[in-house]
Amino acid sequence: MAFQVRALGEREVILPDGKKAVFPVRTAENLFWYLLLFPEGRAKDLVISEFLDSDVTTKSLTLLRVTVHRVRRALGDDSAILSQGDRLALAPHVLEASDTHVFSEALSEARLASSPEDRMSRLELATKLAAGPFVPGLDAEWADEARREFDAARAEARLGLAAVACEMRRCSDSVDHLSAAIAVDPLIGEEHEQQLLICLTTTRGSSCAVDAYRQYVKALRDEIDEAPAPETDHLITRIRSGEAVCDAAPESLRARPL
């Protein structure tokens, strides 16, 4: 059995013997999660500055060495953290056992997929893995930044799924994925909001699209004190009139007047 590293929605390391890793101090556990964010490794002076919030001194270098030792002990593996020159990195066999690694690989593979089915399969895996925040409960600025980045990547995966669903004429699925992406970031992009309005009109009727438009207007006003683009206003006018705004929609799914 190999390591299992669960950082998305969970916060645990399962050792090869099936037991959960127990870190002797919080600093050691946090260093593990910090290094997980940098598969290519991190310069020691940056680790000291960003993670230990200290200048590079004899004391901080000693503290870093002690913390690295404690992580290795907790994992029962002296090779779990590599020290190469001025850099620290988790070993490949630890990184590759993490859900963050599988998530990133799935997104990369989706971008290169040759068919809609393959792309959907990889994106569905990514969204399943990233069902929760990065290392929940860990209170640190670098962890908060990582959570925002993973949220953005999760939203990207949802937008990708929406595009594939639209391509495959799975209109209801497209609505679900667009809604999920916009729930992560209500201002993710005007073009995505417009697509959601079109898909809602097609699948659920004009009134649902108008409700979503009103929520978008409020989010814009509250967040950046701006109004929707003229193109979005023009689209909602067409929707209100009952115009069929999606030429690709099946005949059984057509806009109904509000």
Protein backbone atom coordinates (compact mmCIF):
# COMPACT_ATOMS: atom_id res chain seq x y z
CA MET A 1 0.00 0.00 0.00
CA ALA A 2 1.26 3.50 -0.87
CA PHE A 3 0.77 6.85 0.79
CA GLN A 4 -2.63 8.53 0.43
CA VAL A 5 -2.60 12.30 0.75
CA ARG A 6 -6.01 13.96 1.02
CA ALA A 7 -5.93 17.73 0.97
CA LEU A 8 -9.09 18.73 -0.92
CA GLY A 9 -12.04 18.73 1.45
CA GLU A 10 -10.05 16.60 3.88
CA ARG A 11 -6.80 16.95 5.77
CA GLU A 12 -5.06 13.67 6.34
CA VAL A 13 -2.15 11.51 5.30
CA ILE A 14 -2.61 7.76 5.28
CA LEU A 15 0.67 5.89 5.66
CA PRO A 16 1.58 2.76 3.68
CA ASP A 17 0.64 0.62 6.69
CA GLY A 18 -2.89 2.05 6.61
CA LYS A 19 -2.51 4.23 9.70
CA LYS A 20 -3.09 7.96 9.73
CA ALA A 21 0.05 10.08 10.06
CA VAL A 22 0.32 11.87 13.39
CA PHE A 23 2.45 15.00 13.32
CA PRO A 24 4.11 15.82 16.67
CA VAL A 25 3.51 19.57 16.34
CA ARG A 26 1.27 21.75 14.20
CA THR A 27 4.27 23.39 12.52
CA ALA A 28 5.39 20.04 11.11
CA GLU A 29 1.95 19.24 9.73
CA ASN A 30 1.62 22.69 8.20
CA LEU A 31 5.03 22.42 6.53
CA PHE A 32 3.88 19.23 4.84
CA TRP A 33 0.80 20.93 3.37
CA TYR A 34 2.85 23.98 2.41
CA LEU A 35 5.37 21.89 0.44
CA LEU A 36 2.50 20.03 -1.24
CA LEU A 37 1.71 23.28 -3.05
CA PHE A 38 5.12 23.34 -4.72
CA PRO A 39 5.74 20.10 -6.63
CA GLU A 40 8.89 21.58 -8.13
CA GLY A 41 10.25 22.41 -4.68
CA ARG A 42 10.71 25.65 -2.81
CA ALA A 43 13.84 27.63 -2.01
CA LYS A 44 14.67 27.42 1.68
CA ASP A 45 14.86 31.19 2.08
CA LEU A 46 11.31 31.44 0.70
CA VAL A 47 10.11 28.69 3.04
CA ILE A 48 11.59 30.61 5.96
CA SER A 49 10.10 33.90 4.77
CA GLU A 50 6.64 32.65 3.74
CA PHE A 51 6.11 29.71 6.06
CA LEU A 52 8.07 30.60 9.19
CA ASP A 53 7.52 34.35 8.66
CA SER A 54 11.12 35.03 9.60
CA ASP A 55 14.38 36.34 8.24
CA VAL A 56 17.05 33.83 7.31
CA THR A 57 19.09 33.43 10.47
CA THR A 58 20.94 30.62 12.20
CA LYS A 59 17.91 30.19 14.44
CA SER A 60 15.38 30.02 11.60
CA LEU A 61 17.55 27.59 9.61
CA THR A 62 17.80 25.34 12.65
CA LEU A 63 14.03 25.51 13.18
CA LEU A 64 13.48 24.56 9.55
CA ARG A 65 15.82 21.56 9.82
CA VAL A 66 14.06 20.39 12.97
CA THR A 67 10.63 20.78 11.36
CA VAL A 68 11.71 18.83 8.28
CA HIS A 69 13.02 16.06 10.55
CA ARG A 70 9.68 15.93 12.37
CA VAL A 71 7.75 15.62 9.10
CA ARG A 72 9.96 12.73 8.01
CA ARG A 73 9.47 11.00 11.34
CA ALA A 74 5.69 11.46 11.19
CA LEU A 75 5.63 9.91 7.71
CA GLY A 76 8.03 7.13 8.70
CA ASP A 77 10.10 7.89 5.63
CA ASP A 78 13.43 9.72 5.64
CA SER A 79 13.14 10.26 1.90
CA ALA A 80 9.70 11.90 2.08
CA ILE A 81 11.22 15.38 1.96
CA LEU A 82 14.18 15.97 -0.33
CA SER A 83 16.78 18.62 0.45
CA GLN A 84 18.59 19.49 -2.75
CA GLY A 85 20.97 22.40 -2.49
CA ASP A 86 18.94 25.41 -1.43
CA ARG A 87 15.57 23.75 -2.12
CA LEU A 88 13.11 21.56 -0.23
CA ALA A 89 10.58 19.33 -1.97
CA LEU A 90 8.27 16.46 -1.20
CA ALA A 91 9.48 13.26 -2.83
CA PRO A 92 7.73 12.22 -6.06
CA HIS A 93 6.18 9.13 -4.45
CA VAL A 94 4.50 11.39 -1.86
CA LEU A 95 3.39 14.06 -4.32
CA GLU A 96 1.92 11.53 -6.74
CA ALA A 97 -0.14 10.01 -3.92
CA SER A 98 -1.98 13.31 -3.35
CA ASP A 99 -5.42 14.27 -4.55
CA THR A 100 -4.00 17.68 -5.52
CA HIS A 101 -1.63 15.96 -7.95
CA VAL A 102 -4.39 13.81 -9.46
CA PHE A 103 -6.61 16.91 -9.71
CA SER A 104 -3.96 18.90 -11.58
CA GLU A 105 -3.18 15.95 -13.86
CA ALA A 106 -6.86 15.50 -14.68
CA LEU A 107 -7.18 19.16 -15.68
CA SER A 108 -4.07 18.95 -17.84
CA GLU A 109 -5.29 15.78 -19.54
CA ALA A 110 -8.70 17.35 -20.15
CA ARG A 111 -7.08 20.23 -22.04
CA LEU A 112 -5.35 17.73 -24.33
CA ALA A 113 -8.26 15.29 -24.70
CA SER A 114 -9.10 14.41 -28.29
CA SER A 115 -12.79 13.67 -27.79
CA PRO A 116 -15.65 15.24 -25.80
CA GLU A 117 -16.12 11.98 -23.91
CA ASP A 118 -12.49 11.86 -22.79
CA ARG A 119 -12.54 15.52 -21.85
CA MET A 120 -15.71 15.06 -19.83
CA SER A 121 -14.28 12.01 -18.04
CA ARG A 122 -11.16 13.90 -16.91
CA LEU A 123 -13.10 16.99 -15.88
CA GLU A 124 -15.60 14.92 -13.91
CA LEU A 125 -12.71 13.35 -12.02
CA ALA A 126 -11.27 16.80 -11.27
CA THR A 127 -14.55 18.15 -9.93
CA LYS A 128 -15.11 15.02 -7.84
CA LEU A 129 -11.67 15.35 -6.26
CA ALA A 130 -12.01 19.07 -5.57
CA ALA A 131 -15.30 18.82 -3.74
CA GLY A 132 -14.04 20.80 -0.75
CA PRO A 133 -11.50 23.46 0.22
CA PHE A 134 -7.76 22.92 0.44
CA VAL A 135 -6.72 21.60 3.90
CA PRO A 136 -9.85 22.74 5.77
CA GLY A 137 -9.22 24.27 9.15
CA LEU A 138 -5.63 25.32 8.51
CA ASP A 139 -5.33 29.01 9.34
CA ALA A 140 -2.56 30.63 7.30
CA GLU A 141 -2.36 33.26 4.60
CA TRP A 142 -0.61 30.89 2.16
CA ALA A 143 -3.36 28.31 2.73
CA ASP A 144 -6.05 30.91 2.04
CA GLU A 145 -4.32 31.83 -1.21
CA ALA A 146 -4.12 28.17 -2.19
CA ARG A 147 -7.84 27.75 -1.48
CA ARG A 148 -8.61 30.62 -3.84
CA GLU A 149 -6.45 29.05 -6.54
CA PHE A 150 -8.08 25.65 -6.18
CA ASP A 151 -11.52 27.30 -6.21
CA ALA A 152 -10.62 28.98 -9.50
CA ALA A 153 -9.37 25.68 -10.93
CA ARG A 154 -12.56 23.93 -9.79
CA ALA A 155 -14.62 26.62 -11.50
CA GLU A 156 -12.51 26.15 -14.64
CA ALA A 157 -13.32 22.45 -14.58
CA ARG A 158 -17.04 23.20 -14.25
CA LEU A 159 -16.90 25.62 -17.17
CA GLY A 160 -15.16 22.97 -19.21
CA LEU A 161 -17.88 20.47 -18.35
CA ALA A 162 -20.54 23.01 -19.30
CA ALA A 163 -18.90 23.49 -22.70
CA VAL A 164 -18.70 19.74 -23.31
CA ALA A 165 -22.31 19.26 -22.20
CA CYS A 166 -23.40 22.00 -24.57
CA GLU A 167 -21.43 20.39 -27.40
CA MET A 168 -23.17 17.09 -26.67
CA ARG A 169 -26.58 18.82 -26.43
CA ARG A 170 -26.95 17.92 -22.75
CA CYS A 171 -28.59 21.22 -21.92
CA SER A 172 -29.62 20.51 -18.33
CA ASP A 173 -26.09 19.35 -17.47
CA SER A 174 -24.72 22.54 -18.98
CA VAL A 175 -26.97 24.58 -16.68
CA ASP A 176 -25.83 22.61 -13.64
CA HIS A 177 -22.13 23.08 -14.40
CA LEU A 178 -22.45 26.76 -15.27
CA SER A 179 -24.43 27.36 -12.08
CA ALA A 180 -21.78 25.57 -10.03
CA ALA A 181 -18.96 27.61 -11.56
CA ILE A 182 -20.81 30.88 -11.00
CA ALA A 183 -21.57 29.85 -7.41
CA VAL A 184 -17.81 29.67 -6.82
CA ASP A 185 -17.26 33.08 -8.43
CA PRO A 186 -20.38 35.13 -9.31
CA LEU A 187 -18.23 37.40 -11.48
CA ILE A 188 -16.33 34.66 -13.26
CA GLY A 189 -17.01 36.28 -16.63
CA GLU A 190 -19.80 38.03 -18.49
CA GLU A 191 -19.68 35.53 -21.35
CA HIS A 192 -20.37 32.68 -18.93
CA GLU A 193 -23.28 34.55 -17.39
CA GLN A 194 -24.70 35.10 -20.86
CA GLN A 195 -24.36 31.40 -21.63
CA LEU A 196 -26.13 30.53 -18.38
CA LEU A 197 -29.02 32.83 -19.32
CA ILE A 198 -29.30 31.13 -22.71
CA CYS A 199 -29.19 27.64 -21.20
CA LEU A 200 -31.68 28.52 -18.47
CA THR A 201 -34.08 29.93 -21.04
CA THR A 202 -33.78 26.77 -23.09
CA THR A 203 -34.25 24.31 -20.25
CA ARG A 204 -36.31 26.09 -17.58
CA GLY A 205 -37.96 29.03 -19.23
CA SER A 206 -37.59 32.79 -19.37
CA SER A 207 -38.55 33.46 -15.77
CA CYS A 208 -35.60 31.42 -14.44
CA ALA A 209 -33.24 33.27 -16.74
CA VAL A 210 -34.59 36.63 -15.59
CA ASP A 211 -34.14 35.61 -11.95
CA ALA A 212 -30.52 34.67 -12.68
CA TYR A 213 -30.01 37.98 -14.47
CA ARG A 214 -31.29 39.90 -11.46
CA GLN A 215 -28.88 38.00 -9.18
CA TYR A 216 -26.03 38.86 -11.54
CA VAL A 217 -27.00 42.54 -11.57
CA LYS A 218 -26.96 42.56 -7.77
CA ALA A 219 -23.58 40.79 -7.61
CA LEU A 220 -22.07 43.32 -10.03
CA ARG A 221 -23.49 46.23 -8.07
CA ASP A 222 -22.43 44.86 -4.68
CA GLU A 223 -18.94 43.73 -5.71
CA ILE A 224 -17.70 46.37 -8.16
CA ASP A 225 -20.55 48.89 -8.43
CA GLU A 226 -21.02 48.29 -12.15
CA ALA A 227 -23.87 47.31 -14.47
CA PRO A 228 -24.02 44.42 -16.95
CA ALA A 229 -22.56 44.84 -20.42
CA PRO A 230 -24.94 46.11 -23.13
CA GLU A 231 -24.77 42.68 -24.78
CA THR A 232 -26.14 41.06 -21.63
CA ASP A 233 -28.96 43.59 -21.37
CA HIS A 234 -29.79 43.02 -25.03
CA LEU A 235 -29.85 39.26 -24.44
CA ILE A 236 -32.24 39.52 -21.52
CA THR A 237 -34.54 41.72 -23.62
CA ARG A 238 -34.64 39.00 -26.27
CA ILE A 239 -35.32 36.40 -23.59
CA ARG A 240 -38.17 38.45 -22.10
CA SER A 241 -39.78 38.63 -25.53
CA GLY A 242 -39.77 34.85 -25.83
CA GLU A 243 -37.20 34.70 -28.61
CA ALA A 244 -35.40 31.38 -29.14
CA VAL A 245 -31.89 32.42 -28.13
CA CYS A 246 -30.18 29.05 -28.70
CA ASP A 247 -30.21 27.84 -32.28
CA ALA A 248 -28.65 24.53 -31.26
CA ALA A 249 -31.35 23.62 -28.77
CA PRO A 250 -33.66 20.72 -29.62
CA GLU A 251 -37.11 21.72 -30.85
CA SER A 252 -38.62 20.39 -27.65
CA LEU A 253 -36.64 22.99 -25.70
CA ARG A 254 -37.63 26.42 -26.86
CA ALA A 255 -37.99 29.69 -25.04
CA ARG A 256 -41.42 30.57 -23.71
CA PRO A 257 -42.55 34.18 -23.32
CA LEU A 258 -42.29 35.55 -19.79
